[in-house]
Amino acid sequence: MAKEPVRLGPELRKYQGLWVAIRDGKVVEARQTPYELVMVLMERGIDDASIVRSPRSEEPLRIGLG
């Protein structure tokens, strides 16, 4: 079975392979590791952002529960 490339929104496409903090629908910060990202968010006083990893376009899409 052929794997389809991950289709990212235009905003996340700029941050492929990075951990991204999103608040109010906008990227507020991006870093290589989630630990770096959380530290920067804490320094900036941001405690209400969602954190996701933006996959690279060549990474297979994996969906699962748990």
PDB file of N, CA and C in Angstrom:
ATOM      1  N   MET A   1       0.840  -1.168   0.000  1.00  0.00           N
ATOM      2  CA  MET A   1       0.000   0.000   0.000  1.00  0.00           C
ATOM      3  C   MET A   1       0.895   1.244   0.000  1.00  0.00           C
ATOM      4  N   ALA A   2       0.677   2.141  -0.936  1.00  0.00           N
ATOM      5  CA  ALA A   2       1.454   3.378  -1.022  1.00  0.00           C
ATOM      6  C   ALA A   2       1.030   4.331   0.084  1.00  0.00           C
ATOM      7  N   LYS A   3       2.005   5.002   0.645  1.00  0.00           N
ATOM      8  CA  LYS A   3       1.727   5.966   1.697  1.00  0.00           C
ATOM      9  C   LYS A   3       1.631   7.357   1.095  1.00  0.00           C
ATOM     10  N   GLU A   4       0.613   8.083   1.506  1.00  0.00           N
ATOM     11  CA  GLU A   4       0.450   9.448   1.028  1.00  0.00           C
ATOM     12  C   GLU A   4       1.258  10.395   1.908  1.00  0.00           C
ATOM     13  N   PRO A   5       1.813  11.454   1.324  1.00  0.00           N
ATOM     14  CA  PRO A   5       2.529  12.430   2.146  1.00  0.00           C
ATOM     15  C   PRO A   5       1.547  13.175   3.052  1.00  0.00           C
ATOM     16  N   VAL A   6       2.039  13.627   4.168  1.00  0.00           N
ATOM     17  CA  VAL A   6       1.225  14.401   5.098  1.00  0.00           C
ATOM     18  C   VAL A   6       0.947  15.751   4.470  1.00  0.00           C
ATOM     19  N   ARG A   7      -0.294  16.170   4.491  1.00  0.00           N
ATOM     20  CA  ARG A   7      -0.668  17.473   3.943  1.00  0.00           C
ATOM     21  C   ARG A   7      -0.824  18.460   5.098  1.00  0.00           C
ATOM     22  N   LEU A   8       0.056  19.437   5.150  1.00  0.00           N
ATOM     23  CA  LEU A   8       0.057  20.413   6.227  1.00  0.00           C
ATOM     24  C   LEU A   8      -0.585  21.705   5.772  1.00  0.00           C
ATOM     25  N   GLY A   9      -1.171  22.399   6.738  1.00  0.00           N
ATOM     26  CA  GLY A   9      -1.677  23.723   6.452  1.00  0.00           C
ATOM     27  C   GLY A   9      -0.515  24.638   6.107  1.00  0.00           C
ATOM     28  N   PRO A  10      -0.781  25.701   5.375  1.00  0.00           N
ATOM     29  CA  PRO A  10       0.301  26.599   4.956  1.00  0.00           C
ATOM     30  C   PRO A  10       1.143  27.119   6.122  1.00  0.00           C
ATOM     31  N   GLU A  11       0.530  27.410   7.235  1.00  0.00           N
ATOM     32  CA  GLU A  11       1.267  27.958   8.377  1.00  0.00           C
ATOM     33  C   GLU A  11       2.218  26.919   8.969  1.00  0.00           C
ATOM     34  N   LEU A  12       1.743  25.685   9.175  1.00  0.00           N
ATOM     35  CA  LEU A  12       2.597  24.647   9.764  1.00  0.00           C
ATOM     36  C   LEU A  12       3.678  24.159   8.812  1.00  0.00           C
ATOM     37  N   ARG A  13       3.457  24.297   7.524  1.00  0.00           N
ATOM     38  CA  ARG A  13       4.434  23.825   6.536  1.00  0.00           C
ATOM     39  C   ARG A  13       5.798  24.483   6.751  1.00  0.00           C
ATOM     40  N   LYS A  14       5.810  25.701   7.283  1.00  0.00           N
ATOM     41  CA  LYS A  14       7.073  26.410   7.544  1.00  0.00           C
ATOM     42  C   LYS A  14       7.865  25.774   8.680  1.00  0.00           C
ATOM     43  N   TYR A  15       7.220  24.957   9.503  1.00  0.00           N
ATOM     44  CA  TYR A  15       7.838  24.422  10.727  1.00  0.00           C
ATOM     45  C   TYR A  15       8.003  22.903  10.688  1.00  0.00           C
ATOM     46  N   GLN A  16       8.165  22.318   9.523  1.00  0.00           N
ATOM     47  CA  GLN A  16       8.257  20.869   9.400  1.00  0.00           C
ATOM     48  C   GLN A  16       9.382  20.305  10.264  1.00  0.00           C
ATOM     49  N   GLY A  17       9.045  19.280  11.044  1.00  0.00           N
ATOM     50  CA  GLY A  17      10.016  18.616  11.908  1.00  0.00           C
ATOM     51  C   GLY A  17      10.191  19.272  13.264  1.00  0.00           C
ATOM     52  N   LEU A  18       9.487  20.374  13.514  1.00  0.00           N
ATOM     53  CA  LEU A  18       9.631  21.094  14.776  1.00  0.00           C
ATOM     54  C   LEU A  18       8.405  20.899  15.665  1.00  0.00           C
ATOM     55  N   TRP A  19       8.597  21.157  16.949  1.00  0.00           N
ATOM     56  CA  TRP A  19       7.506  21.204  17.910  1.00  0.00           C
ATOM     57  C   TRP A  19       6.985  22.634  17.896  1.00  0.00           C
ATOM     58  N   VAL A  20       5.666  22.781  17.798  1.00  0.00           N
ATOM     59  CA  VAL A  20       5.054  24.082  17.564  1.00  0.00           C
ATOM     60  C   VAL A  20       4.016  24.380  18.642  1.00  0.00           C
ATOM     61  N   ALA A  21       4.015  25.608  19.127  1.00  0.00           N
ATOM     62  CA  ALA A  21       2.995  26.075  20.069  1.00  0.00           C
ATOM     63  C   ALA A  21       2.002  26.931  19.297  1.00  0.00           C
ATOM     64  N   ILE A  22       0.718  26.613  19.449  1.00  0.00           N
ATOM     65  CA  ILE A  22      -0.338  27.329  18.738  1.00  0.00           C
ATOM     66  C   ILE A  22      -1.281  27.945  19.764  1.00  0.00           C
ATOM     67  N   ARG A  23      -1.567  29.229  19.562  1.00  0.00           N
ATOM     68  CA  ARG A  23      -2.515  29.921  20.432  1.00  0.00           C
ATOM     69  C   ARG A  23      -3.384  30.806  19.550  1.00  0.00           C
ATOM     70  N   ASP A  24      -4.683  30.729  19.774  1.00  0.00           N
ATOM     71  CA  ASP A  24      -5.639  31.512  18.982  1.00  0.00           C
ATOM     72  C   ASP A  24      -5.458  31.287  17.482  1.00  0.00           C
ATOM     73  N   GLY A  25      -5.143  30.040  17.101  1.00  0.00           N
ATOM     74  CA  GLY A  25      -5.013  29.691  15.695  1.00  0.00           C
ATOM     75  C   GLY A  25      -3.738  30.154  15.022  1.00  0.00           C
ATOM     76  N   LYS A  26      -2.786  30.657  15.795  1.00  0.00           N
ATOM     77  CA  LYS A  26      -1.522  31.139  15.228  1.00  0.00           C
ATOM     78  C   LYS A  26      -0.326  30.490  15.927  1.00  0.00           C
ATOM     79  N   VAL A  27       0.726  30.251  15.168  1.00  0.00           N
ATOM     80  CA  VAL A  27       1.960  29.718  15.740  1.00  0.00           C
ATOM     81  C   VAL A  27       2.630  30.840  16.526  1.00  0.00           C
ATOM     82  N   VAL A  28       2.886  30.578  17.812  1.00  0.00           N
ATOM     83  CA  VAL A  28       3.535  31.587  18.646  1.00  0.00           C
ATOM     84  C   VAL A  28       5.007  31.267  18.914  1.00  0.00           C
ATOM     85  N   GLU A  29       5.401  30.012  18.700  1.00  0.00           N
ATOM     86  CA  GLU A  29       6.788  29.615  18.957  1.00  0.00           C
ATOM     87  C   GLU A  29       7.015  28.238  18.344  1.00  0.00           C
ATOM     88  N   ALA A  30       8.257  27.931  17.965  1.00  0.00           N
ATOM     89  CA  ALA A  30       8.614  26.609  17.446  1.00  0.00           C
ATOM     90  C   ALA A  30      10.051  26.302  17.847  1.00  0.00           C
ATOM     91  N   ARG A  31      10.296  25.049  18.226  1.00  0.00           N
ATOM     92  CA  ARG A  31      11.625  24.615  18.655  1.00  0.00           C
ATOM     93  C   ARG A  31      11.864  23.161  18.238  1.00  0.00           C
ATOM     94  N   GLN A  32      13.125  22.727  18.332  1.00  0.00           N
ATOM     95  CA  GLN A  32      13.519  21.371  17.955  1.00  0.00           C
ATOM     96  C   GLN A  32      12.953  20.299  18.884  1.00  0.00           C
ATOM     97  N   THR A  33      12.846  20.601  20.172  1.00  0.00           N
ATOM     98  CA  THR A  33      12.360  19.600  21.125  1.00  0.00           C
ATOM     99  C   THR A  33      11.190  20.192  21.919  1.00  0.00           C
ATOM    100  N   PRO A  34      10.326  19.323  22.448  1.00  0.00           N
ATOM    101  CA  PRO A  34       9.229  19.843  23.256  1.00  0.00           C
ATOM    102  C   PRO A  34       9.731  20.503  24.536  1.00  0.00           C
ATOM    103  N   TYR A  35      10.857  20.047  25.043  1.00  0.00           N
ATOM    104  CA  TYR A  35      11.417  20.619  26.269  1.00  0.00           C
ATOM    105  C   TYR A  35      11.868  22.056  26.031  1.00  0.00           C
ATOM    106  N   GLU A  36      12.572  22.282  24.907  1.00  0.00           N
ATOM    107  CA  GLU A  36      12.982  23.647  24.559  1.00  0.00           C
ATOM    108  C   GLU A  36      11.759  24.538  24.387  1.00  0.00           C
ATOM    109  N   LEU A  37      10.748  24.009  23.739  1.00  0.00           N
ATOM    110  CA  LEU A  37       9.534  24.781  23.476  1.00  0.00           C
ATOM    111  C   LEU A  37       8.851  25.192  24.776  1.00  0.00           C
ATOM    112  N   VAL A  38       8.702  24.261  25.695  1.00  0.00           N
ATOM    113  CA  VAL A  38       8.053  24.570  26.970  1.00  0.00           C
ATOM    114  C   VAL A  38       8.857  25.612  27.749  1.00  0.00           C
ATOM    115  N   MET A  39      10.175  25.502  27.735  1.00  0.00           N
ATOM    116  CA  MET A  39      11.003  26.478  28.447  1.00  0.00           C
ATOM    117  C   MET A  39      10.799  27.892  27.888  1.00  0.00           C
ATOM    118  N   VAL A  40      10.782  28.013  26.570  1.00  0.00           N
ATOM    119  CA  VAL A  40      10.588  29.325  25.948  1.00  0.00           C
ATOM    120  C   VAL A  40       9.190  29.862  26.262  1.00  0.00           C
ATOM    121  N   LEU A  41       8.203  28.982  26.214  1.00  0.00           N
ATOM    122  CA  LEU A  41       6.835  29.416  26.529  1.00  0.00           C
ATOM    123  C   LEU A  41       6.750  29.906  27.968  1.00  0.00           C
ATOM    124  N   MET A  42       7.399  29.197  28.882  1.00  0.00           N
ATOM    125  CA  MET A  42       7.398  29.619  30.285  1.00  0.00           C
ATOM    126  C   MET A  42       8.078  30.980  30.438  1.00  0.00           C
ATOM    127  N   GLU A  43       9.212  31.158  29.756  1.00  0.00           N
ATOM    128  CA  GLU A  43       9.923  32.438  29.820  1.00  0.00           C
ATOM    129  C   GLU A  43       9.059  33.583  29.299  1.00  0.00           C
ATOM    130  N   ARG A  44       8.253  33.293  28.290  1.00  0.00           N
ATOM    131  CA  ARG A  44       7.398  34.321  27.698  1.00  0.00           C
ATOM    132  C   ARG A  44       6.058  34.466  28.433  1.00  0.00           C
ATOM    133  N   GLY A  45       5.811  33.620  29.436  1.00  0.00           N
ATOM    134  CA  GLY A  45       4.569  33.697  30.196  1.00  0.00           C
ATOM    135  C   GLY A  45       3.362  33.167  29.438  1.00  0.00           C
ATOM    136  N   ILE A  46       3.599  32.298  28.475  1.00  0.00           N
ATOM    137  CA  ILE A  46       2.506  31.713  27.696  1.00  0.00           C
ATOM    138  C   ILE A  46       2.148  30.375  28.322  1.00  0.00           C
ATOM    139  N   ASP A  47       0.933  30.277  28.857  1.00  0.00           N
ATOM    140  CA  ASP A  47       0.525  29.024  29.503  1.00  0.00           C
ATOM    141  C   ASP A  47      -0.781  28.480  28.933  1.00  0.00           C
ATOM    142  N   ASP A  48      -1.190  29.008  27.793  1.00  0.00           N
ATOM    143  CA  ASP A  48      -2.460  28.561  27.216  1.00  0.00           C
ATOM    144  C   ASP A  48      -2.331  28.162  25.745  1.00  0.00           C
ATOM    145  N   ALA A  49      -1.169  27.652  25.348  1.00  0.00           N
ATOM    146  CA  ALA A  49      -0.943  27.237  23.965  1.00  0.00           C
ATOM    147  C   ALA A  49      -1.059  25.724  23.842  1.00  0.00           C
ATOM    148  N   SER A  50      -1.484  25.280  22.684  1.00  0.00           N
ATOM    149  CA  SER A  50      -1.482  23.851  22.360  1.00  0.00           C
ATOM    150  C   SER A  50      -0.146  23.531  21.709  1.00  0.00           C
ATOM    151  N   ILE A  51       0.397  22.358  22.021  1.00  0.00           N
ATOM    152  CA  ILE A  51       1.694  21.960  21.476  1.00  0.00           C
ATOM    153  C   ILE A  51       1.509  20.732  20.595  1.00  0.00           C
ATOM    154  N   VAL A  52       2.034  20.819  19.377  1.00  0.00           N
ATOM    155  CA  VAL A  52       1.997  19.708  18.434  1.00  0.00           C
ATOM    156  C   VAL A  52       3.345  19.633  17.729  1.00  0.00           C
ATOM    157  N   ARG A  53       3.619  18.481  17.145  1.00  0.00           N
ATOM    158  CA  ARG A  53       4.815  18.359  16.307  1.00  0.00           C
ATOM    159  C   ARG A  53       4.362  18.429  14.865  1.00  0.00           C
ATOM    160  N   SER A  54       4.990  19.296  14.107  1.00  0.00           N
ATOM    161  CA  SER A  54       4.676  19.431  12.688  1.00  0.00           C
ATOM    162  C   SER A  54       5.527  18.423  11.922  1.00  0.00           C
ATOM    163  N   PRO A  55       4.910  17.392  11.344  1.00  0.00           N
ATOM    164  CA  PRO A  55       5.709  16.357  10.666  1.00  0.00           C
ATOM    165  C   PRO A  55       6.331  16.875   9.382  1.00  0.00           C
ATOM    166  N   ARG A  56       7.401  16.214   8.980  1.00  0.00           N
ATOM    167  CA  ARG A  56       8.004  16.514   7.681  1.00  0.00           C
ATOM    168  C   ARG A  56       7.082  15.948   6.604  1.00  0.00           C
ATOM    169  N   SER A  57       7.104  16.524   5.433  1.00  0.00           N
ATOM    170  CA  SER A  57       6.185  16.106   4.370  1.00  0.00           C
ATOM    171  C   SER A  57       6.407  14.657   3.952  1.00  0.00           C
ATOM    172  N   GLU A  58       7.625  14.129   4.125  1.00  0.00           N
ATOM    173  CA  GLU A  58       7.910  12.741   3.708  1.00  0.00           C
ATOM    174  C   GLU A  58       7.558  11.702   4.773  1.00  0.00           C
ATOM    175  N   GLU A  59       7.175  12.166   5.964  1.00  0.00           N
ATOM    176  CA  GLU A  59       6.810  11.229   7.031  1.00  0.00           C
ATOM    177  C   GLU A  59       5.446  10.615   6.750  1.00  0.00           C
ATOM    178  N   PRO A  60       5.318   9.300   6.975  1.00  0.00           N
ATOM    179  CA  PRO A  60       4.005   8.675   6.775  1.00  0.00           C
ATOM    180  C   PRO A  60       3.013   9.168   7.824  1.00  0.00           C
ATOM    181  N   LEU A  61       1.776   9.223   7.448  1.00  0.00           N
ATOM    182  CA  LEU A  61       0.716   9.638   8.363  1.00  0.00           C
ATOM    183  C   LEU A  61       0.348   8.458   9.260  1.00  0.00           C
ATOM    184  N   ARG A  62       0.418   8.664  10.551  1.00  0.00           N
ATOM    185  CA  ARG A  62       0.078   7.618  11.514  1.00  0.00           C
ATOM    186  C   ARG A  62      -1.077   8.124  12.365  1.00  0.00           C
ATOM    187  N   ILE A  63      -2.117   7.347  12.400  1.00  0.00           N
ATOM    188  CA  ILE A  63      -3.278   7.700  13.202  1.00  0.00           C
ATOM    189  C   ILE A  63      -3.537   6.558  14.156  1.00  0.00           C
ATOM    190  N   GLY A  64      -3.730   6.884  15.422  1.00  0.00           N
ATOM    191  CA  GLY A  64      -4.004   5.830  16.400  1.00  0.00           C
ATOM    192  C   GLY A  64      -4.575   6.402  17.674  1.00  0.00           C
ATOM    193  N   LEU A  65      -5.055   5.530  18.471  1.00  0.00           N
ATOM    194  CA  LEU A  65      -5.597   5.915  19.766  1.00  0.00           C
ATOM    195  C   LEU A  65      -4.637   5.473  20.832  1.00  0.00           C
ATOM    196  N   GLY A  66      -4.512   6.289  21.865  1.00  0.00           N
ATOM    197  CA  GLY A  66      -3.705   5.880  23.001  1.00  0.00           C
ATOM    198  C   GLY A  66      -2.354   6.469  23.051  1.00  0.00           C
TER     199      GLY A  66
END
